[in-house]
């Protein structure tokens, strides 16, 4: 595998993350400039905290399920080109997202 392909992909991801950080900071600054009530600020901060926790939960579930899928693929001696291997990976990611959806609805 040629690792030179990862350089532009990594650059693109870094640019996207930088743009997201800048846009989020500008939105927060504009909200703060409008002098919102203290209750509104507390609600906004609390909502961001819940979103961060649920985001960590989502990616933890998805990555755990994908790890289990790789274990199943290895146990079944499937190659990386086998359609069944891809199906197991996609199914595991889907199950992880569905599990996240079920858990997240309980917190809201």
Protein backbone atom coordinates (compact mmCIF):
# COMPACT_ATOMS: atom_id res chain seq x y z
CA UNK A 1 0.00 0.00 0.00
CA UNK A 2 1.29 3.42 -0.92
CA UNK A 3 1.12 5.67 2.13
CA UNK A 4 1.52 8.78 -0.02
CA UNK A 5 -2.28 8.77 -0.47
CA UNK A 6 -2.73 9.48 3.23
CA UNK A 7 -1.00 12.88 3.06
CA UNK A 8 -3.71 14.72 1.07
CA UNK A 9 -6.45 12.94 3.01
CA UNK A 10 -4.91 14.02 6.31
CA UNK A 11 -4.47 17.56 5.01
CA UNK A 12 -8.15 17.69 4.00
CA UNK A 13 -9.28 16.43 7.42
CA UNK A 14 -7.08 19.01 9.18
CA UNK A 15 -8.50 21.84 7.05
CA UNK A 16 -12.07 20.73 7.76
CA UNK A 17 -11.42 20.55 11.51
CA UNK A 18 -9.77 23.99 11.49
CA UNK A 19 -12.73 25.52 9.63
CA UNK A 20 -15.18 23.92 12.08
CA UNK A 21 -13.28 25.29 15.09
CA UNK A 22 -13.20 28.81 13.61
CA UNK A 23 -16.89 28.78 12.69
CA UNK A 24 -17.89 27.50 16.14
CA UNK A 25 -15.80 30.20 17.83
CA UNK A 26 -17.38 32.93 15.69
CA UNK A 27 -20.89 31.67 16.44
CA UNK A 28 -20.15 31.65 20.19
CA UNK A 29 -18.70 35.15 20.01
CA UNK A 30 -21.73 36.50 18.16
CA UNK A 31 -24.06 34.89 20.67
CA UNK A 32 -22.06 36.42 23.53
CA UNK A 33 -22.17 39.85 21.85
CA UNK A 34 -25.98 39.80 21.83
CA UNK A 35 -25.96 39.75 25.67
CA UNK A 36 -28.11 36.67 26.17
CA UNK A 37 -29.63 35.93 29.54
CA UNK A 38 -27.65 33.92 32.06
CA UNK A 39 -30.16 31.08 31.77
CA UNK A 40 -29.69 30.92 27.99
CA UNK A 41 -25.90 30.77 28.38
CA UNK A 42 -26.17 27.99 30.98
CA UNK A 43 -28.54 26.04 28.73
CA UNK A 44 -26.18 26.43 25.77
CA UNK A 45 -23.17 25.25 27.79
CA UNK A 46 -25.12 22.31 29.20
CA UNK A 47 -26.30 21.30 25.73
CA UNK A 48 -22.73 21.37 24.40
CA UNK A 49 -21.54 19.22 27.31
CA UNK A 50 -24.23 16.62 26.67
CA UNK A 51 -23.40 16.64 22.94
CA UNK A 52 -19.71 16.03 23.71
CA UNK A 53 -20.48 13.11 26.01
CA UNK A 54 -22.87 11.55 23.52
CA UNK A 55 -20.37 12.02 20.70
CA UNK A 56 -17.76 10.10 22.66
CA UNK A 57 -20.35 7.40 23.33
CA UNK A 58 -21.27 7.18 19.65
CA UNK A 59 -17.73 6.77 18.40
CA UNK A 60 -16.87 4.41 21.23
CA UNK A 61 -19.76 2.12 20.30
CA UNK A 62 -19.05 2.26 16.57
CA UNK A 63 -15.32 1.57 16.95
CA UNK A 64 -15.95 -1.23 19.44
CA UNK A 65 -18.40 -2.88 17.06
CA UNK A 66 -15.95 -2.53 14.16
CA UNK A 67 -13.25 -4.11 16.33
CA UNK A 68 -15.56 -7.03 17.06
CA UNK A 69 -16.28 -7.28 13.32
CA UNK A 70 -12.56 -7.53 12.56
CA UNK A 71 -12.34 -10.34 15.10
CA UNK A 72 -15.21 -12.16 13.38
CA UNK A 73 -13.60 -11.63 9.96
CA UNK A 74 -10.31 -13.05 11.24
CA UNK A 75 -12.04 -16.02 12.89
CA UNK A 76 -13.90 -16.76 9.66
CA UNK A 77 -10.66 -16.51 7.62
CA UNK A 78 -12.17 -14.00 5.18
CA UNK A 79 -9.90 -11.93 2.96
CA UNK A 80 -10.14 -8.16 2.71
CA UNK A 81 -11.57 -8.47 -0.81
CA UNK A 82 -14.41 -10.77 0.24
CA UNK A 83 -17.84 -9.13 0.05
CA UNK A 84 -18.78 -10.89 3.28
CA UNK A 85 -15.99 -9.07 5.11
CA UNK A 86 -17.30 -5.72 3.95
CA UNK A 87 -20.83 -6.71 4.87
CA UNK A 88 -19.74 -7.64 8.39
CA UNK A 89 -17.94 -4.30 8.80
CA UNK A 90 -20.89 -2.24 7.58
CA UNK A 91 -23.35 -4.25 9.65
CA UNK A 92 -21.22 -3.79 12.77
CA UNK A 93 -20.99 -0.03 12.21
CA UNK A 94 -24.76 0.10 11.70
CA UNK A 95 -25.42 -1.87 14.88
CA UNK A 96 -23.12 0.49 16.77
CA UNK A 97 -25.00 3.53 15.48
CA UNK A 98 -28.37 1.94 16.30
CA UNK A 99 -27.17 1.15 19.81
CA UNK A 100 -26.04 4.76 20.18
CA UNK A 101 -29.43 5.99 18.99
CA UNK A 102 -31.21 3.84 21.57
CA UNK A 103 -28.95 4.96 24.41
CA UNK A 104 -28.98 8.63 23.38
CA UNK A 105 -32.79 8.73 23.35
CA UNK A 106 -32.78 7.65 27.00
CA UNK A 107 -30.53 10.57 27.98
CA UNK A 108 -32.66 13.21 26.22
